[in-house]
Amino acid sequence: MLTIIVTAAISGLVVGGLGRLLLPGRQDIGWVTTIVVGLVASALATGIAYVFGLHTNALLAIALQVTLAVIGVGLVASRKSKSQA
């Protein structure tokens, strides 16, 4: 069980980090939020890949995860900037 949690955290960090790197501009969100967005993006993308039968193509699944992370980071960053204004 601990291995699954650590692997999910590392996956969330990598996917969330890539999402932040690919999104233009500055995102004023913390690293914990980045990991959470990455975890959610990974879980959603994995579910979508299984539903559509794309889970056998790892590259496509990772691309979907990062794409959802970019969208998620953008949404979280825009909500945070609106709430601070």
PDB file of N, CA and C in Angstrom:
ATOM      1  N   MET A   1       0.815  -1.192   0.000  1.00  0.00           N
ATOM      2  CA  MET A   1       0.000   0.000   0.000  1.00  0.00           C
ATOM      3  C   MET A   1       0.861   1.259   0.000  1.00  0.00           C
ATOM      4  N   LEU A   2       1.926   1.249   0.777  1.00  0.00           N
ATOM      5  CA  LEU A   2       2.823   2.399   0.827  1.00  0.00           C
ATOM      6  C   LEU A   2       3.477   2.640  -0.527  1.00  0.00           C
ATOM      7  N   THR A   3       3.804   1.567  -1.222  1.00  0.00           N
ATOM      8  CA  THR A   3       4.407   1.697  -2.554  1.00  0.00           C
ATOM      9  C   THR A   3       3.458   2.390  -3.518  1.00  0.00           C
ATOM     10  N   ILE A   4       2.180   2.065  -3.442  1.00  0.00           N
ATOM     11  CA  ILE A   4       1.191   2.690  -4.324  1.00  0.00           C
ATOM     12  C   ILE A   4       1.089   4.180  -4.027  1.00  0.00           C
ATOM     13  N   ILE A   5       1.091   4.550  -2.759  1.00  0.00           N
ATOM     14  CA  ILE A   5       0.988   5.963  -2.383  1.00  0.00           C
ATOM     15  C   ILE A   5       2.210   6.741  -2.836  1.00  0.00           C
ATOM     16  N   VAL A   6       3.392   6.185  -2.631  1.00  0.00           N
ATOM     17  CA  VAL A   6       4.626   6.862  -3.044  1.00  0.00           C
ATOM     18  C   VAL A   6       4.686   6.981  -4.565  1.00  0.00           C
ATOM     19  N   THR A   7       4.323   5.924  -5.264  1.00  0.00           N
ATOM     20  CA  THR A   7       4.318   5.963  -6.729  1.00  0.00           C
ATOM     21  C   THR A   7       3.324   6.990  -7.245  1.00  0.00           C
ATOM     22  N   ALA A   8       2.151   7.059  -6.640  1.00  0.00           N
ATOM     23  CA  ALA A   8       1.139   8.042  -7.052  1.00  0.00           C
ATOM     24  C   ALA A   8       1.633   9.461  -6.795  1.00  0.00           C
ATOM     25  N   ALA A   9       2.307   9.683  -5.668  1.00  0.00           N
ATOM     26  CA  ALA A   9       2.826  11.017  -5.362  1.00  0.00           C
ATOM     27  C   ALA A   9       3.902  11.429  -6.361  1.00  0.00           C
ATOM     28  N   ILE A  10       4.782  10.510  -6.712  1.00  0.00           N
ATOM     29  CA  ILE A  10       5.831  10.814  -7.688  1.00  0.00           C
ATOM     30  C   ILE A  10       5.216  11.066  -9.056  1.00  0.00           C
ATOM     31  N   SER A  11       4.252  10.261  -9.431  1.00  0.00           N
ATOM     32  CA  SER A  11       3.556  10.450 -10.701  1.00  0.00           C
ATOM     33  C   SER A  11       2.848  11.801 -10.731  1.00  0.00           C
ATOM     34  N   GLY A  12       2.179  12.155  -9.646  1.00  0.00           N
ATOM     35  CA  GLY A  12       1.510  13.445  -9.557  1.00  0.00           C
ATOM     36  C   GLY A  12       2.470  14.607  -9.655  1.00  0.00           C
ATOM     37  N   LEU A  13       3.623  14.457  -9.018  1.00  0.00           N
ATOM     38  CA  LEU A  13       4.648  15.499  -9.075  1.00  0.00           C
ATOM     39  C   LEU A  13       5.164  15.683 -10.495  1.00  0.00           C
ATOM     40  N   VAL A  14       5.458  14.579 -11.163  1.00  0.00           N
ATOM     41  CA  VAL A  14       5.992  14.647 -12.528  1.00  0.00           C
ATOM     42  C   VAL A  14       4.946  15.197 -13.494  1.00  0.00           C
ATOM     43  N   VAL A  15       3.748  14.653 -13.455  1.00  0.00           N
ATOM     44  CA  VAL A  15       2.698  15.088 -14.376  1.00  0.00           C
ATOM     45  C   VAL A  15       2.303  16.536 -14.084  1.00  0.00           C
ATOM     46  N   GLY A  16       2.136  16.884 -12.824  1.00  0.00           N
ATOM     47  CA  GLY A  16       1.808  18.262 -12.461  1.00  0.00           C
ATOM     48  C   GLY A  16       2.913  19.233 -12.832  1.00  0.00           C
ATOM     49  N   GLY A  17       4.156  18.822 -12.606  1.00  0.00           N
ATOM     50  CA  GLY A  17       5.295  19.665 -12.974  1.00  0.00           C
ATOM     51  C   GLY A  17       5.372  19.902 -14.469  1.00  0.00           C
ATOM     52  N   LEU A  18       5.151  18.846 -15.237  1.00  0.00           N
ATOM     53  CA  LEU A  18       5.134  19.008 -16.700  1.00  0.00           C
ATOM     54  C   LEU A  18       3.986  19.908 -17.133  1.00  0.00           C
ATOM     55  N   GLY A  19       2.856  19.769 -16.470  1.00  0.00           N
ATOM     56  CA  GLY A  19       1.721  20.631 -16.774  1.00  0.00           C
ATOM     57  C   GLY A  19       2.039  22.095 -16.521  1.00  0.00           C
ATOM     58  N   ARG A  20       2.733  22.365 -15.415  1.00  0.00           N
ATOM     59  CA  ARG A  20       3.127  23.743 -15.106  1.00  0.00           C
ATOM     60  C   ARG A  20       4.155  24.261 -16.096  1.00  0.00           C
ATOM     61  N   LEU A  21       5.090  23.411 -16.473  1.00  0.00           N
ATOM     62  CA  LEU A  21       6.135  23.834 -17.414  1.00  0.00           C
ATOM     63  C   LEU A  21       5.570  24.160 -18.789  1.00  0.00           C
ATOM     64  N   LEU A  22       4.579  23.402 -19.217  1.00  0.00           N
ATOM     65  CA  LEU A  22       4.028  23.597 -20.554  1.00  0.00           C
ATOM     66  C   LEU A  22       3.013  24.731 -20.628  1.00  0.00           C
ATOM     67  N   LEU A  23       2.489  25.154 -19.492  1.00  0.00           N
ATOM     68  CA  LEU A  23       1.520  26.245 -19.476  1.00  0.00           C
ATOM     69  C   LEU A  23       2.268  27.572 -19.490  1.00  0.00           C
ATOM     70  N   PRO A  24       2.022  28.421 -20.492  1.00  0.00           N
ATOM     71  CA  PRO A  24       2.755  29.686 -20.557  1.00  0.00           C
ATOM     72  C   PRO A  24       2.361  30.624 -19.412  1.00  0.00           C
ATOM     73  N   GLY A  25       3.285  31.454 -19.023  1.00  0.00           N
ATOM     74  CA  GLY A  25       3.032  32.430 -17.970  1.00  0.00           C
ATOM     75  C   GLY A  25       3.364  31.890 -16.591  1.00  0.00           C
ATOM     76  N   ARG A  26       3.120  32.732 -15.607  1.00  0.00           N
ATOM     77  CA  ARG A  26       3.425  32.371 -14.224  1.00  0.00           C
ATOM     78  C   ARG A  26       2.166  31.857 -13.544  1.00  0.00           C
ATOM     79  N   GLN A  27       2.307  30.734 -12.845  1.00  0.00           N
ATOM     80  CA  GLN A  27       1.203  30.181 -12.073  1.00  0.00           C
ATOM     81  C   GLN A  27       1.551  30.348 -10.600  1.00  0.00           C
ATOM     82  N   ASP A  28       0.721  31.071  -9.903  1.00  0.00           N
ATOM     83  CA  ASP A  28       0.975  31.346  -8.491  1.00  0.00           C
ATOM     84  C   ASP A  28       0.297  30.298  -7.615  1.00  0.00           C
ATOM     85  N   ILE A  29       0.725  29.036  -7.790  1.00  0.00           N
ATOM     86  CA  ILE A  29       0.214  27.948  -6.960  1.00  0.00           C
ATOM     87  C   ILE A  29       1.409  27.210  -6.361  1.00  0.00           C
ATOM     88  N   GLY A  30       1.195  26.589  -5.237  1.00  0.00           N
ATOM     89  CA  GLY A  30       2.272  25.902  -4.540  1.00  0.00           C
ATOM     90  C   GLY A  30       2.546  24.509  -5.094  1.00  0.00           C
ATOM     91  N   TRP A  31       3.584  23.902  -4.558  1.00  0.00           N
ATOM     92  CA  TRP A  31       3.984  22.584  -5.047  1.00  0.00           C
ATOM     93  C   TRP A  31       2.996  21.502  -4.608  1.00  0.00           C
ATOM     94  N   VAL A  32       2.359  21.679  -3.458  1.00  0.00           N
ATOM     95  CA  VAL A  32       1.369  20.688  -3.015  1.00  0.00           C
ATOM     96  C   VAL A  32       0.171  20.702  -3.967  1.00  0.00           C
ATOM     97  N   THR A  33      -0.265  21.902  -4.345  1.00  0.00           N
ATOM     98  CA  THR A  33      -1.367  22.028  -5.297  1.00  0.00           C
ATOM     99  C   THR A  33      -0.978  21.421  -6.637  1.00  0.00           C
ATOM    100  N   THR A  34       0.263  21.628  -7.048  1.00  0.00           N
ATOM    101  CA  THR A  34       0.751  21.061  -8.297  1.00  0.00           C
ATOM    102  C   THR A  34       0.674  19.532  -8.265  1.00  0.00           C
ATOM    103  N   ILE A  35       1.077  18.935  -7.146  1.00  0.00           N
ATOM    104  CA  ILE A  35       1.026  17.479  -7.004  1.00  0.00           C
ATOM    105  C   ILE A  35      -0.419  16.993  -7.031  1.00  0.00           C
ATOM    106  N   VAL A  36      -1.296  17.693  -6.339  1.00  0.00           N
ATOM    107  CA  VAL A  36      -2.709  17.284  -6.302  1.00  0.00           C
ATOM    108  C   VAL A  36      -3.317  17.362  -7.695  1.00  0.00           C
ATOM    109  N   VAL A  37      -3.033  18.448  -8.414  1.00  0.00           N
ATOM    110  CA  VAL A  37      -3.539  18.582  -9.787  1.00  0.00           C
ATOM    111  C   VAL A  37      -2.975  17.458 -10.655  1.00  0.00           C
ATOM    112  N   GLY A  38      -1.703  17.134 -10.487  1.00  0.00           N
ATOM    113  CA  GLY A  38      -1.086  16.046 -11.242  1.00  0.00           C
ATOM    114  C   GLY A  38      -1.710  14.703 -10.923  1.00  0.00           C
ATOM    115  N   LEU A  39      -2.008  14.456  -9.650  1.00  0.00           N
ATOM    116  CA  LEU A  39      -2.657  13.200  -9.255  1.00  0.00           C
ATOM    117  C   LEU A  39      -4.044  13.088  -9.865  1.00  0.00           C
ATOM    118  N   VAL A  40      -4.805  14.165  -9.793  1.00  0.00           N
ATOM    119  CA  VAL A  40      -6.158  14.149 -10.360  1.00  0.00           C
ATOM    120  C   VAL A  40      -6.089  13.955 -11.874  1.00  0.00           C
ATOM    121  N   ALA A  41      -5.171  14.660 -12.525  1.00  0.00           N
ATOM    122  CA  ALA A  41      -5.023  14.531 -13.980  1.00  0.00           C
ATOM    123  C   ALA A  41      -4.626  13.108 -14.357  1.00  0.00           C
ATOM    124  N   SER A  42      -3.715  12.524 -13.602  1.00  0.00           N
ATOM    125  CA  SER A  42      -3.296  11.144 -13.875  1.00  0.00           C
ATOM    126  C   SER A  42      -4.455  10.168 -13.726  1.00  0.00           C
ATOM    127  N   ALA A  43      -5.217  10.331 -12.651  1.00  0.00           N
ATOM    128  CA  ALA A  43      -6.348   9.421 -12.406  1.00  0.00           C
ATOM    129  C   ALA A  43      -7.411   9.569 -13.493  1.00  0.00           C
ATOM    130  N   LEU A  44      -7.759  10.811 -13.831  1.00  0.00           N
ATOM    131  CA  LEU A  44      -8.759  11.029 -14.879  1.00  0.00           C
ATOM    132  C   LEU A  44      -8.291  10.490 -16.222  1.00  0.00           C
ATOM    133  N   ALA A  45      -7.048  10.785 -16.576  1.00  0.00           N
ATOM    134  CA  ALA A  45      -6.526  10.336 -17.870  1.00  0.00           C
ATOM    135  C   ALA A  45      -6.451   8.817 -17.942  1.00  0.00           C
ATOM    136  N   THR A  46      -6.068   8.179 -16.847  1.00  0.00           N
ATOM    137  CA  THR A  46      -6.013   6.721 -16.829  1.00  0.00           C
ATOM    138  C   THR A  46      -7.410   6.136 -17.002  1.00  0.00           C
ATOM    139  N   GLY A  47      -8.389   6.718 -16.325  1.00  0.00           N
ATOM    140  CA  GLY A  47      -9.770   6.261 -16.474  1.00  0.00           C
ATOM    141  C   GLY A  47     -10.269   6.442 -17.893  1.00  0.00           C
ATOM    142  N   ILE A  48      -9.995   7.589 -18.490  1.00  0.00           N
ATOM    143  CA  ILE A  48     -10.413   7.853 -19.865  1.00  0.00           C
ATOM    144  C   ILE A  48      -9.729   6.871 -20.817  1.00  0.00           C
ATOM    145  N   ALA A  49      -8.448   6.625 -20.589  1.00  0.00           N
ATOM    146  CA  ALA A  49      -7.709   5.697 -21.449  1.00  0.00           C
ATOM    147  C   ALA A  49      -8.309   4.290 -21.377  1.00  0.00           C
ATOM    148  N   TYR A  50      -8.688   3.853 -20.178  1.00  0.00           N
ATOM    149  CA  TYR A  50      -9.306   2.529 -20.040  1.00  0.00           C
ATOM    150  C   TYR A  50     -10.668   2.475 -20.717  1.00  0.00           C
ATOM    151  N   VAL A  51     -11.453   3.527 -20.571  1.00  0.00           N
ATOM    152  CA  VAL A  51     -12.790   3.541 -21.174  1.00  0.00           C
ATOM    153  C   VAL A  51     -12.710   3.438 -22.699  1.00  0.00           C
ATOM    154  N   PHE A  52     -11.760   4.148 -23.286  1.00  0.00           N
ATOM    155  CA  PHE A  52     -11.637   4.167 -24.744  1.00  0.00           C
ATOM    156  C   PHE A  52     -10.658   3.123 -25.280  1.00  0.00           C
ATOM    157  N   GLY A  53     -10.115   2.277 -24.404  1.00  0.00           N
ATOM    158  CA  GLY A  53      -9.223   1.213 -24.837  1.00  0.00           C
ATOM    159  C   GLY A  53      -7.842   1.685 -25.244  1.00  0.00           C
ATOM    160  N   LEU A  54      -7.427   2.832 -24.735  1.00  0.00           N
ATOM    161  CA  LEU A  54      -6.119   3.394 -25.097  1.00  0.00           C
ATOM    162  C   LEU A  54      -5.043   3.090 -24.061  1.00  0.00           C
ATOM    163  N   HIS A  55      -5.373   2.338 -23.033  1.00  0.00           N
ATOM    164  CA  HIS A  55      -4.433   2.089 -21.941  1.00  0.00           C
ATOM    165  C   HIS A  55      -3.226   1.249 -22.357  1.00  0.00           C
ATOM    166  N   THR A  56      -3.284   0.596 -23.490  1.00  0.00           N
ATOM    167  CA  THR A  56      -2.142  -0.204 -23.937  1.00  0.00           C
ATOM    168  C   THR A  56      -1.064   0.658 -24.572  1.00  0.00           C
ATOM    169  N   ASN A  57      -1.401   1.878 -24.945  1.00  0.00           N
ATOM    170  CA  ASN A  57      -0.435   2.795 -25.543  1.00  0.00           C
ATOM    171  C   ASN A  57       0.037   3.771 -24.465  1.00  0.00           C
ATOM    172  N   ALA A  58       1.197   3.495 -23.867  1.00  0.00           N
ATOM    173  CA  ALA A  58       1.695   4.289 -22.743  1.00  0.00           C
ATOM    174  C   ALA A  58       1.966   5.734 -23.133  1.00  0.00           C
ATOM    175  N   LEU A  59       2.504   5.951 -24.311  1.00  0.00           N
ATOM    176  CA  LEU A  59       2.823   7.313 -24.742  1.00  0.00           C
ATOM    177  C   LEU A  59       1.562   8.158 -24.867  1.00  0.00           C
ATOM    178  N   LEU A  60       0.518   7.572 -25.408  1.00  0.00           N
ATOM    179  CA  LEU A  60      -0.747   8.282 -25.543  1.00  0.00           C
ATOM    180  C   LEU A  60      -1.359   8.567 -24.173  1.00  0.00           C
ATOM    181  N   ALA A  61      -1.259   7.629 -23.259  1.00  0.00           N
ATOM    182  CA  ALA A  61      -1.786   7.826 -21.905  1.00  0.00           C
ATOM    183  C   ALA A  61      -1.038   8.943 -21.176  1.00  0.00           C
ATOM    184  N   ILE A  62       0.272   8.976 -21.314  1.00  0.00           N
ATOM    185  CA  ILE A  62       1.069  10.033 -20.679  1.00  0.00           C
ATOM    186  C   ILE A  62       0.748  11.387 -21.294  1.00  0.00           C
ATOM    187  N   ALA A  63       0.584  11.437 -22.605  1.00  0.00           N
ATOM    188  CA  ALA A  63       0.226  12.699 -23.269  1.00  0.00           C
ATOM    189  C   ALA A  63      -1.124  13.194 -22.766  1.00  0.00           C
ATOM    190  N   LEU A  64      -2.065  12.288 -22.570  1.00  0.00           N
ATOM    191  CA  LEU A  64      -3.375  12.666 -22.057  1.00  0.00           C
ATOM    192  C   LEU A  64      -3.262  13.160 -20.611  1.00  0.00           C
ATOM    193  N   GLN A  65      -2.434  12.503 -19.816  1.00  0.00           N
ATOM    194  CA  GLN A  65      -2.229  12.933 -18.432  1.00  0.00           C
ATOM    195  C   GLN A  65      -1.659  14.349 -18.369  1.00  0.00           C
ATOM    196  N   VAL A  66      -0.639  14.611 -19.170  1.00  0.00           N
ATOM    197  CA  VAL A  66      -0.006  15.928 -19.161  1.00  0.00           C
ATOM    198  C   VAL A  66      -0.971  16.992 -19.699  1.00  0.00           C
ATOM    199  N   THR A  67      -1.739  16.649 -20.729  1.00  0.00           N
ATOM    200  CA  THR A  67      -2.717  17.594 -21.264  1.00  0.00           C
ATOM    201  C   THR A  67      -3.747  17.974 -20.205  1.00  0.00           C
ATOM    202  N   LEU A  68      -4.247  16.984 -19.485  1.00  0.00           N
ATOM    203  CA  LEU A  68      -5.202  17.280 -18.419  1.00  0.00           C
ATOM    204  C   LEU A  68      -4.544  18.059 -17.283  1.00  0.00           C
ATOM    205  N   ALA A  69      -3.263  17.817 -17.020  1.00  0.00           N
ATOM    206  CA  ALA A  69      -2.554  18.571 -15.989  1.00  0.00           C
ATOM    207  C   ALA A  69      -2.405  20.036 -16.393  1.00  0.00           C
ATOM    208  N   VAL A  70      -2.118  20.298 -17.673  1.00  0.00           N
ATOM    209  CA  VAL A  70      -2.020  21.683 -18.152  1.00  0.00           C
ATOM    210  C   VAL A  70      -3.360  22.392 -17.942  1.00  0.00           C
ATOM    211  N   ILE A  71      -4.442  21.718 -18.305  1.00  0.00           N
ATOM    212  CA  ILE A  71      -5.773  22.298 -18.132  1.00  0.00           C
ATOM    213  C   ILE A  71      -6.061  22.523 -16.648  1.00  0.00           C
ATOM    214  N   GLY A  72      -5.739  21.539 -15.828  1.00  0.00           N
ATOM    215  CA  GLY A  72      -5.994  21.647 -14.390  1.00  0.00           C
ATOM    216  C   GLY A  72      -5.188  22.752 -13.731  1.00  0.00           C
ATOM    217  N   VAL A  73      -3.905  22.849 -14.067  1.00  0.00           N
ATOM    218  CA  VAL A  73      -3.064  23.910 -13.501  1.00  0.00           C
ATOM    219  C   VAL A  73      -3.596  25.273 -13.927  1.00  0.00           C
ATOM    220  N   GLY A  74      -4.001  25.392 -15.180  1.00  0.00           N
ATOM    221  CA  GLY A  74      -4.561  26.653 -15.663  1.00  0.00           C
ATOM    222  C   GLY A  74      -5.825  27.038 -14.917  1.00  0.00           C
ATOM    223  N   LEU A  75      -6.704  26.059 -14.692  1.00  0.00           N
ATOM    224  CA  LEU A  75      -7.950  26.339 -13.969  1.00  0.00           C
ATOM    225  C   LEU A  75      -7.682  26.732 -12.519  1.00  0.00           C
ATOM    226  N   VAL A  76      -6.812  25.996 -11.847  1.00  0.00           N
ATOM    227  CA  VAL A  76      -6.517  26.288 -10.441  1.00  0.00           C
ATOM    228  C   VAL A  76      -5.830  27.646 -10.316  1.00  0.00           C
ATOM    229  N   ALA A  77      -4.875  27.934 -11.190  1.00  0.00           N
ATOM    230  CA  ALA A  77      -4.160  29.205 -11.132  1.00  0.00           C
ATOM    231  C   ALA A  77      -5.100  30.375 -11.414  1.00  0.00           C
ATOM    232  N   SER A  78      -6.014  30.214 -12.357  1.00  0.00           N
ATOM    233  CA  SER A  78      -6.932  31.312 -12.661  1.00  0.00           C
ATOM    234  C   SER A  78      -7.926  31.532 -11.520  1.00  0.00           C
ATOM    235  N   ARG A  79      -8.373  30.469 -10.888  1.00  0.00           N
ATOM    236  CA  ARG A  79      -9.274  30.615  -9.735  1.00  0.00           C
ATOM    237  C   ARG A  79      -8.572  31.296  -8.577  1.00  0.00           C
ATOM    238  N   LYS A  80      -7.310  30.939  -8.356  1.00  0.00           N
ATOM    239  CA  LYS A  80      -6.571  31.542  -7.250  1.00  0.00           C
ATOM    240  C   LYS A  80      -6.334  33.015  -7.499  1.00  0.00           C
ATOM    241  N   SER A  81      -5.999  33.382  -8.738  1.00  0.00           N
ATOM    242  CA  SER A  81      -5.745  34.792  -9.040  1.00  0.00           C
ATOM    243  C   SER A  81      -7.025  35.615  -8.934  1.00  0.00           C
ATOM    244  N   LYS A  82      -8.179  35.030  -9.286  1.00  0.00           N
ATOM    245  CA  LYS A  82      -9.458  35.745  -9.147  1.00  0.00           C
ATOM    246  C   LYS A  82      -9.832  35.939  -7.694  1.00  0.00           C
ATOM    247  N   SER A  83      -9.533  34.946  -6.852  1.00  0.00           N
ATOM    248  CA  SER A  83      -9.903  35.057  -5.447  1.00  0.00           C
ATOM    249  C   SER A  83      -9.007  36.041  -4.706  1.00  0.00           C
ATOM    250  N   GLN A  84      -7.800  36.277  -5.194  1.00  0.00           N
ATOM    251  CA  GLN A  84      -6.894  37.233  -4.579  1.00  0.00           C
ATOM    252  C   GLN A  84      -7.184  38.662  -5.005  1.00  0.00           C
ATOM    253  N   ALA A  85      -7.871  38.836  -6.107  1.00  0.00           N
ATOM    254  CA  ALA A  85      -8.127  40.181  -6.635  1.00  0.00           C
ATOM    255  C   ALA A  85      -9.240  40.873  -5.899  1.00  0.00           C
TER     256      ALA A  85
END
